[in-house]
Amino acid sequence: MDESIDKLKYPVGKFSMPENVDEKVIKQWINDIEILPQKLREAVNGLNEEQLNTPYRPGGWTVRQVVHHVGDSHLNSYIRFKLALTEDNPTIKPYDQDKAAELEEYNLLPIEDSLNFVEALHKRWIVLLKTLKDSDWEKTFFHPESKRNVSLKRNLGIYAWHSKHHVAHIASLRERNNW
């Protein structure tokens, strides 16, 4: 992949699971998820309709699609946490995020609705995350696409990264276009 396109696609780099994930790392990841609603709202603040309909990179989603995707994706992650906490290594249901982003809902729904949804979802998710015991972080779900068990610790790291990843898509677009 072209290095400049790769940088646009992964402005904070790709997720990499640290070798040692201690309590400090977990607290930081929870904080990253907790502040996402505010960071996402700040990233889109003041954008007009034309700007919201601008892709963050060639061939990428529009800012509008990114905002709606964050709600969909984080809802799925929240449900995966609950499944792993209440069942023994459940198999989760993946979804096609690219096809979801093409649904007309993403064009018709104001981003304010998804921003409010993300805020409400994250309030619940953070309460859940802050109640987990050390042993809970080792609980897993099975992801049929990757054909592997995913620990809640790893999933937390992925979604802390995911939070920064999509905010950076919008922020880097704004910077490149002097918005």
N, C-alpha and C. Protein backbone atom coordinates (compact mmCIF):
# COMPACT_ATOMS: atom_id res chain seq x y z
N MET A 1 0.85 -1.18 0.00
CA MET A 1 0.00 0.00 0.00
C MET A 1 0.89 1.24 0.00
N ASP A 2 0.51 2.23 -0.77
CA ASP A 2 1.22 3.50 -0.84
C ASP A 2 1.35 4.07 0.57
N GLU A 3 2.58 4.51 0.91
CA GLU A 3 2.86 5.00 2.27
C GLU A 3 1.97 6.17 2.66
N SER A 4 1.70 7.09 1.73
CA SER A 4 0.86 8.25 2.06
C SER A 4 -0.59 7.83 2.28
N ILE A 5 -1.09 6.88 1.50
CA ILE A 5 -2.46 6.37 1.70
C ILE A 5 -2.52 5.61 3.02
N ASP A 6 -1.48 4.84 3.31
CA ASP A 6 -1.44 4.09 4.57
C ASP A 6 -1.50 5.06 5.76
N LYS A 7 -0.81 6.18 5.67
CA LYS A 7 -0.83 7.18 6.75
C LYS A 7 -2.22 7.81 6.88
N LEU A 8 -2.90 8.04 5.76
CA LEU A 8 -4.27 8.56 5.81
C LEU A 8 -5.22 7.53 6.39
N LYS A 9 -5.00 6.26 6.06
CA LYS A 9 -5.87 5.19 6.54
C LYS A 9 -5.64 4.90 8.02
N TYR A 10 -4.40 4.99 8.45
CA TYR A 10 -4.03 4.69 9.84
C TYR A 10 -3.25 5.85 10.46
N PRO A 11 -3.92 6.97 10.70
CA PRO A 11 -3.21 8.16 11.18
C PRO A 11 -2.56 8.00 12.56
N VAL A 12 -3.02 7.05 13.36
CA VAL A 12 -2.38 6.80 14.65
C VAL A 12 -1.63 5.46 14.63
N GLY A 13 -1.44 4.91 13.43
CA GLY A 13 -0.81 3.60 13.28
C GLY A 13 -1.82 2.49 13.47
N LYS A 14 -1.40 1.28 13.20
CA LYS A 14 -2.26 0.11 13.38
C LYS A 14 -2.21 -0.32 14.84
N PHE A 15 -3.27 -0.98 15.29
CA PHE A 15 -3.30 -1.47 16.67
C PHE A 15 -2.24 -2.53 16.87
N SER A 16 -1.53 -2.41 17.97
CA SER A 16 -0.54 -3.41 18.37
C SER A 16 -0.73 -3.69 19.85
N MET A 17 -0.96 -4.93 20.18
CA MET A 17 -1.18 -5.34 21.56
C MET A 17 0.15 -5.34 22.31
N PRO A 18 0.25 -4.54 23.37
CA PRO A 18 1.49 -4.55 24.16
C PRO A 18 1.73 -5.93 24.77
N GLU A 19 2.99 -6.24 24.99
CA GLU A 19 3.34 -7.51 25.60
C GLU A 19 2.81 -7.61 27.03
N ASN A 20 2.93 -6.50 27.77
CA ASN A 20 2.49 -6.49 29.16
C ASN A 20 1.38 -5.46 29.32
N VAL A 21 0.20 -5.93 29.66
CA VAL A 21 -0.93 -5.04 29.90
C VAL A 21 -1.24 -5.09 31.39
N ASP A 22 -0.82 -4.03 32.09
CA ASP A 22 -1.05 -3.98 33.53
C ASP A 22 -2.23 -3.06 33.85
N GLU A 23 -2.47 -2.86 35.13
CA GLU A 23 -3.60 -2.04 35.57
C GLU A 23 -3.52 -0.61 35.03
N LYS A 24 -2.32 -0.08 34.94
CA LYS A 24 -2.13 1.28 34.42
C LYS A 24 -2.57 1.38 32.95
N VAL A 25 -2.19 0.40 32.16
CA VAL A 25 -2.57 0.37 30.74
C VAL A 25 -4.09 0.25 30.62
N ILE A 26 -4.68 -0.64 31.40
CA ILE A 26 -6.14 -0.82 31.36
C ILE A 26 -6.84 0.48 31.73
N LYS A 27 -6.38 1.17 32.76
CA LYS A 27 -6.99 2.45 33.15
C LYS A 27 -6.87 3.48 32.03
N GLN A 28 -5.72 3.51 31.36
CA GLN A 28 -5.54 4.44 30.25
C GLN A 28 -6.49 4.12 29.11
N TRP A 29 -6.63 2.83 28.80
CA TRP A 29 -7.54 2.43 27.72
C TRP A 29 -8.98 2.77 28.07
N ILE A 30 -9.37 2.55 29.32
CA ILE A 30 -10.73 2.92 29.73
C ILE A 30 -10.91 4.42 29.59
N ASN A 31 -9.91 5.18 29.96
CA ASN A 31 -9.98 6.64 29.82
C ASN A 31 -10.11 7.04 28.35
N ASP A 32 -9.37 6.39 27.47
CA ASP A 32 -9.46 6.68 26.03
C ASP A 32 -10.89 6.47 25.53
N ILE A 33 -11.53 5.42 26.00
CA ILE A 33 -12.91 5.14 25.61
C ILE A 33 -13.86 6.15 26.25
N GLU A 34 -13.57 6.51 27.49
CA GLU A 34 -14.44 7.45 28.21
C GLU A 34 -14.46 8.83 27.56
N ILE A 35 -13.32 9.29 27.06
CA ILE A 35 -13.26 10.64 26.48
C ILE A 35 -13.63 10.68 25.00
N LEU A 36 -13.83 9.51 24.39
CA LEU A 36 -14.16 9.49 22.96
C LEU A 36 -15.37 10.35 22.61
N PRO A 37 -16.50 10.28 23.33
CA PRO A 37 -17.64 11.11 22.91
C PRO A 37 -17.31 12.60 22.83
N GLN A 38 -16.56 13.10 23.79
CA GLN A 38 -16.15 14.52 23.78
C GLN A 38 -15.20 14.79 22.62
N LYS A 39 -14.23 13.92 22.42
CA LYS A 39 -13.24 14.11 21.35
C LYS A 39 -13.91 14.05 19.97
N LEU A 40 -14.86 13.14 19.80
CA LEU A 40 -15.56 13.01 18.53
C LEU A 40 -16.40 14.26 18.26
N ARG A 41 -17.09 14.74 19.28
CA ARG A 41 -17.90 15.96 19.15
C ARG A 41 -17.00 17.16 18.79
N GLU A 42 -15.86 17.27 19.45
CA GLU A 42 -14.93 18.36 19.15
C GLU A 42 -14.40 18.26 17.72
N ALA A 43 -14.15 17.03 17.26
CA ALA A 43 -13.59 16.83 15.92
C ALA A 43 -14.54 17.31 14.83
N VAL A 44 -15.85 17.18 15.04
CA VAL A 44 -16.81 17.57 14.01
C VAL A 44 -17.43 18.94 14.25
N ASN A 45 -17.08 19.56 15.36
CA ASN A 45 -17.68 20.84 15.72
C ASN A 45 -17.50 21.88 14.60
N GLY A 46 -18.62 22.46 14.18
CA GLY A 46 -18.58 23.54 13.20
C GLY A 46 -18.51 23.11 11.75
N LEU A 47 -18.46 21.80 11.50
CA LEU A 47 -18.40 21.36 10.10
C LEU A 47 -19.76 21.54 9.43
N ASN A 48 -19.73 22.00 8.18
CA ASN A 48 -20.98 22.16 7.42
C ASN A 48 -21.30 20.87 6.68
N GLU A 49 -22.44 20.85 5.98
CA GLU A 49 -22.89 19.65 5.29
C GLU A 49 -21.88 19.17 4.24
N GLU A 50 -21.32 20.11 3.49
CA GLU A 50 -20.33 19.72 2.48
C GLU A 50 -19.12 19.07 3.13
N GLN A 51 -18.66 19.64 4.23
CA GLN A 51 -17.51 19.07 4.93
C GLN A 51 -17.85 17.70 5.52
N LEU A 52 -19.05 17.55 6.07
CA LEU A 52 -19.47 16.26 6.62
C LEU A 52 -19.56 15.18 5.55
N ASN A 53 -19.78 15.59 4.32
CA ASN A 53 -19.90 14.64 3.21
C ASN A 53 -18.58 14.44 2.46
N THR A 54 -17.49 14.92 3.05
CA THR A 54 -16.16 14.78 2.46
C THR A 54 -15.48 13.52 3.00
N PRO A 55 -14.96 12.66 2.12
CA PRO A 55 -14.21 11.49 2.59
C PRO A 55 -12.92 11.92 3.30
N TYR A 56 -12.57 11.21 4.36
CA TYR A 56 -11.34 11.55 5.09
C TYR A 56 -10.08 11.17 4.32
N ARG A 57 -10.24 10.33 3.30
CA ARG A 57 -9.14 9.95 2.40
C ARG A 57 -9.74 9.46 1.10
N PRO A 58 -8.96 9.43 0.01
CA PRO A 58 -9.49 8.89 -1.24
C PRO A 58 -9.97 7.45 -1.03
N GLY A 59 -11.21 7.19 -1.42
CA GLY A 59 -11.77 5.86 -1.26
C GLY A 59 -12.27 5.54 0.14
N GLY A 60 -12.17 6.51 1.04
CA GLY A 60 -12.59 6.29 2.43
C GLY A 60 -13.99 6.79 2.68
N TRP A 61 -14.43 6.59 3.90
CA TRP A 61 -15.75 7.05 4.30
C TRP A 61 -15.77 8.56 4.45
N THR A 62 -16.98 9.11 4.37
CA THR A 62 -17.14 10.54 4.65
C THR A 62 -17.09 10.74 6.17
N VAL A 63 -16.90 11.98 6.57
CA VAL A 63 -16.91 12.30 8.00
C VAL A 63 -18.23 11.82 8.61
N ARG A 64 -19.33 12.06 7.91
CA ARG A 64 -20.65 11.62 8.38
C ARG A 64 -20.67 10.10 8.61
N GLN A 65 -20.15 9.34 7.66
CA GLN A 65 -20.13 7.89 7.79
C GLN A 65 -19.25 7.46 8.97
N VAL A 66 -18.14 8.15 9.17
CA VAL A 66 -17.26 7.81 10.29
C VAL A 66 -18.00 7.98 11.61
N VAL A 67 -18.71 9.09 11.77
CA VAL A 67 -19.43 9.34 13.02
C VAL A 67 -20.48 8.26 13.26
N HIS A 68 -21.26 7.94 12.25
CA HIS A 68 -22.28 6.90 12.42
C HIS A 68 -21.64 5.53 12.67
N HIS A 69 -20.53 5.25 11.99
CA HIS A 69 -19.82 3.98 12.17
C HIS A 69 -19.35 3.82 13.62
N VAL A 70 -18.85 4.88 14.21
CA VAL A 70 -18.36 4.79 15.60
C VAL A 70 -19.49 4.28 16.50
N GLY A 71 -20.69 4.82 16.33
CA GLY A 71 -21.82 4.35 17.13
C GLY A 71 -22.10 2.87 16.91
N ASP A 72 -22.15 2.46 15.65
CA ASP A 72 -22.42 1.05 15.34
C ASP A 72 -21.33 0.13 15.90
N SER A 73 -20.10 0.50 15.66
CA SER A 73 -18.98 -0.34 16.06
C SER A 73 -18.88 -0.44 17.58
N HIS A 74 -19.02 0.66 18.27
CA HIS A 74 -18.88 0.64 19.72
C HIS A 74 -20.06 -0.06 20.38
N LEU A 75 -21.24 0.00 19.77
CA LEU A 75 -22.36 -0.78 20.27
C LEU A 75 -22.05 -2.27 20.17
N ASN A 76 -21.50 -2.69 19.04
CA ASN A 76 -21.12 -4.09 18.89
C ASN A 76 -20.09 -4.50 19.92
N SER A 77 -19.12 -3.65 20.19
CA SER A 77 -18.10 -3.99 21.18
C SER A 77 -18.71 -4.10 22.58
N TYR A 78 -19.58 -3.17 22.93
CA TYR A 78 -20.25 -3.21 24.23
C TYR A 78 -21.00 -4.54 24.40
N ILE A 79 -21.72 -4.94 23.37
CA ILE A 79 -22.47 -6.20 23.42
C ILE A 79 -21.50 -7.38 23.54
N ARG A 80 -20.37 -7.32 22.86
CA ARG A 80 -19.39 -8.40 22.95
C ARG A 80 -18.83 -8.52 24.36
N PHE A 81 -18.62 -7.38 25.02
CA PHE A 81 -18.19 -7.41 26.42
C PHE A 81 -19.23 -8.12 27.27
N LYS A 82 -20.49 -7.74 27.09
CA LYS A 82 -21.55 -8.33 27.91
C LYS A 82 -21.69 -9.83 27.65
N LEU A 83 -21.58 -10.23 26.39
CA LEU A 83 -21.65 -11.65 26.07
C LEU A 83 -20.51 -12.42 26.73
N ALA A 84 -19.29 -11.90 26.62
CA ALA A 84 -18.14 -12.60 27.21
C ALA A 84 -18.22 -12.65 28.73
N LEU A 85 -18.85 -11.66 29.33
CA LEU A 85 -18.98 -11.64 30.79
C LEU A 85 -20.08 -12.57 31.30
N THR A 86 -21.00 -12.92 30.43
CA THR A 86 -22.16 -13.70 30.88
C THR A 86 -22.24 -15.10 30.26
N GLU A 87 -21.36 -15.40 29.31
CA GLU A 87 -21.33 -16.71 28.67
C GLU A 87 -19.89 -17.19 28.60
N ASP A 88 -19.72 -18.48 28.36
CA ASP A 88 -18.40 -19.06 28.27
C ASP A 88 -17.92 -19.02 26.82
N ASN A 89 -17.01 -18.11 26.52
CA ASN A 89 -16.41 -17.96 25.19
C ASN A 89 -17.46 -17.99 24.07
N PRO A 90 -18.43 -17.06 24.11
CA PRO A 90 -19.48 -17.06 23.08
C PRO A 90 -18.92 -16.71 21.70
N THR A 91 -19.55 -17.21 20.68
CA THR A 91 -19.23 -16.82 19.31
C THR A 91 -20.02 -15.56 19.00
N ILE A 92 -19.32 -14.52 18.61
CA ILE A 92 -19.99 -13.25 18.32
C ILE A 92 -20.44 -13.22 16.86
N LYS A 93 -21.32 -12.30 16.58
CA LYS A 93 -21.82 -12.12 15.21
C LYS A 93 -21.08 -10.94 14.60
N PRO A 94 -20.22 -11.17 13.62
CA PRO A 94 -19.58 -10.05 12.94
C PRO A 94 -20.59 -9.33 12.05
N TYR A 95 -20.22 -8.15 11.61
CA TYR A 95 -21.08 -7.44 10.66
C TYR A 95 -20.19 -6.77 9.63
N ASP A 96 -20.74 -6.48 8.48
CA ASP A 96 -19.98 -5.87 7.39
C ASP A 96 -20.08 -4.35 7.55
N GLN A 97 -19.05 -3.76 8.12
CA GLN A 97 -19.08 -2.32 8.41
C GLN A 97 -19.12 -1.47 7.14
N ASP A 98 -18.54 -1.95 6.06
CA ASP A 98 -18.58 -1.19 4.81
C ASP A 98 -19.99 -1.16 4.23
N LYS A 99 -20.67 -2.29 4.28
CA LYS A 99 -22.05 -2.32 3.79
C LYS A 99 -22.95 -1.48 4.70
N ALA A 100 -22.71 -1.53 6.00
CA ALA A 100 -23.50 -0.72 6.94
C ALA A 100 -23.32 0.77 6.63
N ALA A 101 -22.11 1.17 6.30
CA ALA A 101 -21.83 2.58 6.00
C ALA A 101 -22.51 3.04 4.72
N GLU A 102 -22.89 2.11 3.86
CA GLU A 102 -23.57 2.45 2.61
C GLU A 102 -25.08 2.52 2.75
N LEU A 103 -25.62 2.08 3.90
CA LEU A 103 -27.07 2.15 4.10
C LEU A 103 -27.53 3.60 4.11
N GLU A 104 -28.70 3.85 3.57
CA GLU A 104 -29.23 5.22 3.45
C GLU A 104 -29.37 5.89 4.82
N GLU A 105 -29.55 5.10 5.87
CA GLU A 105 -29.64 5.63 7.23
C GLU A 105 -28.47 6.59 7.52
N TYR A 106 -27.28 6.22 7.08
CA TYR A 106 -26.10 7.04 7.35
C TYR A 106 -26.20 8.41 6.68
N ASN A 107 -26.91 8.50 5.56
CA ASN A 107 -27.07 9.78 4.87
C ASN A 107 -28.22 10.60 5.45
N LEU A 108 -29.24 9.92 5.93
CA LEU A 108 -30.44 10.62 6.41
C LEU A 108 -30.35 11.07 7.86
N LEU A 109 -29.65 10.33 8.67
CA LEU A 109 -29.58 10.60 10.10
C LEU A 109 -28.60 11.74 10.39
N PRO A 110 -29.05 12.76 11.10
CA PRO A 110 -28.10 13.82 11.48
C PRO A 110 -27.00 13.26 12.38
N ILE A 111 -25.79 13.76 12.24
CA ILE A 111 -24.70 13.24 13.07
C ILE A 111 -24.96 13.50 14.55
N GLU A 112 -25.75 14.53 14.86
CA GLU A 112 -26.05 14.82 16.26
C GLU A 112 -26.70 13.61 16.94
N ASP A 113 -27.53 12.89 16.20
CA ASP A 113 -28.16 11.70 16.77
C ASP A 113 -27.12 10.65 17.13
N SER A 114 -26.14 10.43 16.27
CA SER A 114 -25.09 9.46 16.58
C SER A 114 -24.15 9.97 17.67
N LEU A 115 -23.89 11.27 17.69
CA LEU A 115 -23.07 11.83 18.77
C LEU A 115 -23.75 11.62 20.12
N ASN A 116 -25.06 11.86 20.18
CA ASN A 116 -25.81 11.63 21.42
C ASN A 116 -25.84 10.16 21.78
N PHE A 117 -26.00 9.31 20.76
CA PHE A 117 -26.01 7.87 20.99
C PHE A 117 -24.68 7.39 21.57
N VAL A 118 -23.58 7.86 21.00
CA VAL A 118 -22.25 7.48 21.48
C VAL A 118 -22.07 7.94 22.93
N GLU A 119 -22.53 9.15 23.25
CA GLU A 119 -22.42 9.63 24.63
C GLU A 119 -23.18 8.73 25.59
N ALA A 120 -24.41 8.38 25.25
CA ALA A 120 -25.21 7.53 26.14
C ALA A 120 -24.61 6.13 26.24
N LEU A 121 -24.20 5.57 25.11
CA LEU A 121 -23.60 4.24 25.11
C LEU A 121 -22.34 4.21 25.96
N HIS A 122 -21.50 5.22 25.81
CA HIS A 122 -20.24 5.23 26.55
C HIS A 122 -20.46 5.43 28.04
N LYS A 123 -21.49 6.12 28.44
CA LYS A 123 -21.80 6.23 29.88
C LYS A 123 -22.03 4.83 30.46
N ARG A 124 -22.82 4.02 29.76
CA ARG A 124 -23.09 2.66 30.23
C ARG A 124 -21.83 1.80 30.14
N TRP A 125 -21.12 1.90 29.02
CA TRP A 125 -19.94 1.07 28.80
C TRP A 125 -18.88 1.33 29.86
N ILE A 126 -18.65 2.60 30.19
CA ILE A 126 -17.63 2.95 31.17
C ILE A 126 -18.00 2.41 32.55
N VAL A 127 -19.27 2.51 32.92
CA VAL A 127 -19.70 1.94 34.20
C VAL A 127 -19.38 0.44 34.21
N LEU A 128 -19.71 -0.25 33.13
CA LEU A 128 -19.41 -1.69 33.04
C LEU A 128 -17.91 -1.93 33.16
N LEU A 129 -17.12 -1.22 32.38
CA LEU A 129 -15.67 -1.45 32.36
C LEU A 129 -15.03 -1.22 33.73
N LYS A 130 -15.50 -0.22 34.44
CA LYS A 130 -14.92 0.11 35.76
C LYS A 130 -15.33 -0.89 36.84
N THR A 131 -16.28 -1.77 36.55
CA THR A 131 -16.68 -2.78 37.53
C THR A 131 -15.95 -4.10 37.34
N LEU A 132 -15.18 -4.25 36.26
CA LEU A 132 -14.55 -5.53 35.98
C LEU A 132 -13.42 -5.84 36.95
N LYS A 133 -13.36 -7.11 37.34
CA LYS A 133 -12.27 -7.61 38.18
C LYS A 133 -11.12 -8.03 37.28
N ASP A 134 -9.94 -8.20 37.87
CA ASP A 134 -8.77 -8.61 37.09
C ASP A 134 -9.05 -9.86 36.25
N SER A 135 -9.72 -10.83 36.84
CA SER A 135 -9.99 -12.09 36.12
C SER A 135 -10.94 -11.89 34.95
N ASP A 136 -11.79 -10.87 35.01
CA ASP A 136 -12.74 -10.62 33.91
C ASP A 136 -12.02 -10.26 32.62
N TRP A 137 -10.87 -9.60 32.72
CA TRP A 137 -10.15 -9.17 31.52
C TRP A 137 -9.65 -10.34 30.70
N GLU A 138 -9.56 -11.52 31.32
CA GLU A 138 -9.09 -12.72 30.60
C GLU A 138 -10.23 -13.47 29.92
N LYS A 139 -11.48 -13.10 30.21
CA LYS A 139 -12.62 -13.75 29.56
C LYS A 139 -12.57 -13.45 28.07
N THR A 140 -13.13 -14.37 27.30
CA THR A 140 -12.98 -14.28 25.84
C THR A 140 -14.31 -14.46 25.11
N PHE A 141 -14.27 -14.03 23.85
CA PHE A 141 -15.31 -14.40 22.89
C PHE A 141 -14.60 -14.92 21.66
N PHE A 142 -15.31 -15.70 20.87
CA PHE A 142 -14.74 -16.25 19.64
C PHE A 142 -15.19 -15.39 18.47
N HIS A 143 -14.21 -14.92 17.69
CA HIS A 143 -14.52 -14.11 16.51
C HIS A 143 -14.40 -15.00 15.27
N PRO A 144 -15.54 -15.32 14.62
CA PRO A 144 -15.48 -16.27 13.51
C PRO A 144 -14.73 -15.78 12.28
N GLU A 145 -14.60 -14.48 12.07
CA GLU A 145 -13.84 -13.99 10.91
C GLU A 145 -12.35 -14.24 11.09
N SER A 146 -11.82 -13.92 12.27
CA SER A 146 -10.39 -14.14 12.51
C SER A 146 -10.11 -15.55 13.02
N LYS A 147 -11.19 -16.27 13.35
CA LYS A 147 -11.09 -17.64 13.86
C LYS A 147 -10.18 -17.72 15.08
N ARG A 148 -10.39 -16.77 16.00
CA ARG A 148 -9.59 -16.77 17.23
C ARG A 148 -10.41 -16.27 18.40
N ASN A 149 -9.97 -16.67 19.58
CA ASN A 149 -10.55 -16.15 20.80
C ASN A 149 -9.95 -14.78 21.08
N VAL A 150 -10.79 -13.84 21.47
CA VAL A 150 -10.35 -12.48 21.77
C VAL A 150 -10.65 -12.21 23.24
N SER A 151 -9.62 -11.85 24.00
CA SER A 151 -9.84 -11.54 25.42
C SER A 151 -10.46 -10.15 25.55
N LEU A 152 -11.15 -9.94 26.64
CA LEU A 152 -11.72 -8.60 26.88
C LEU A 152 -10.61 -7.57 27.02
N LYS A 153 -9.47 -7.99 27.54
CA LYS A 153 -8.31 -7.09 27.63
C LYS A 153 -7.89 -6.62 26.24
N ARG A 154 -7.79 -7.53 25.32
CA ARG A 154 -7.41 -7.17 23.94
C ARG A 154 -8.49 -6.31 23.30
N ASN A 155 -9.75 -6.68 23.50
CA ASN A 155 -10.84 -5.92 22.90
C ASN A 155 -10.86 -4.49 23.45
N LEU A 156 -10.57 -4.34 24.72
CA LEU A 156 -10.47 -2.99 25.30
C LEU A 156 -9.40 -2.19 24.58
N GLY A 157 -8.24 -2.80 24.39
CA GLY A 157 -7.14 -2.11 23.68
C GLY A 157 -7.52 -1.74 22.26
N ILE A 158 -8.19 -2.65 21.58
CA ILE A 158 -8.61 -2.39 20.20
C ILE A 158 -9.54 -1.18 20.16
N TYR A 159 -10.48 -1.10 21.10
CA TYR A 159 -11.46 -0.01 21.05
C TYR A 159 -10.92 1.30 21.61
N ALA A 160 -9.91 1.24 22.46
CA ALA A 160 -9.21 2.47 22.84
C ALA A 160 -8.50 3.02 21.61
N TRP A 161 -7.84 2.12 20.87
CA TRP A 161 -7.18 2.51 19.62
C TRP A 161 -8.23 3.00 18.61
N HIS A 162 -9.33 2.28 18.47
CA HIS A 162 -10.38 2.61 17.51
C HIS A 162 -10.92 4.01 17.77
N SER A 163 -11.04 4.37 19.03
CA SER A 163 -11.53 5.71 19.40
C SER A 163 -10.59 6.78 18.86
N LYS A 164 -9.30 6.61 19.09
CA LYS A 164 -8.30 7.58 18.61
C LYS A 164 -8.20 7.57 17.09
N HIS A 165 -8.28 6.38 16.52
CA HIS A 165 -8.15 6.16 15.07
C HIS A 165 -9.15 7.01 14.29
N HIS A 166 -10.43 6.95 14.67
CA HIS A 166 -11.44 7.67 13.90
C HIS A 166 -11.47 9.16 14.19
N VAL A 167 -11.17 9.55 15.40
CA VAL A 167 -11.06 10.98 15.69
C VAL A 167 -9.90 11.56 14.87
N ALA A 168 -8.81 10.80 14.76
CA ALA A 168 -7.66 11.26 13.97
C ALA A 168 -7.99 11.35 12.48
N HIS A 169 -8.87 10.48 11.97
CA HIS A 169 -9.29 10.60 10.57
C HIS A 169 -9.88 11.98 10.33
N ILE A 170 -10.78 12.39 11.22
CA ILE A 170 -11.47 13.67 11.06
C ILE A 170 -10.51 14.83 11.30
N ALA A 171 -9.72 14.74 12.35
CA ALA A 171 -8.79 15.82 12.69
C ALA A 171 -7.75 16.03 11.59
N SER A 172 -7.24 14.94 11.02
CA SER A 172 -6.22 15.09 9.97
C SER A 172 -6.84 15.65 8.69
N LEU A 173 -8.08 15.28 8.38
CA LEU A 173 -8.78 15.87 7.23
C LEU A 173 -8.95 17.37 7.44
N ARG A 174 -9.38 17.75 8.63
CA ARG A 174 -9.57 19.17 8.92
C ARG A 174 -8.24 19.93 8.78
N GLU A 175 -7.18 19.33 9.25
CA GLU A 175 -5.87 19.99 9.18
C GLU A 175 -5.42 20.12 7.71
N ARG A 176 -5.57 19.06 6.95
CA ARG A 176 -5.16 19.09 5.53
C ARG A 176 -5.95 20.13 4.74
N ASN A 177 -7.22 20.31 5.09
CA ASN A 177 -8.10 21.22 4.35
C ASN A 177 -8.24 22.59 5.02
N ASN A 178 -7.49 22.80 6.07
CA ASN A 178 -7.56 24.08 6.81
C ASN A 178 -8.98 24.45 7.23
N TRP A 179 -9.70 23.46 7.78
CA TRP A 179 -11.04 23.69 8.27
C TRP A 179 -10.94 24.02 9.75
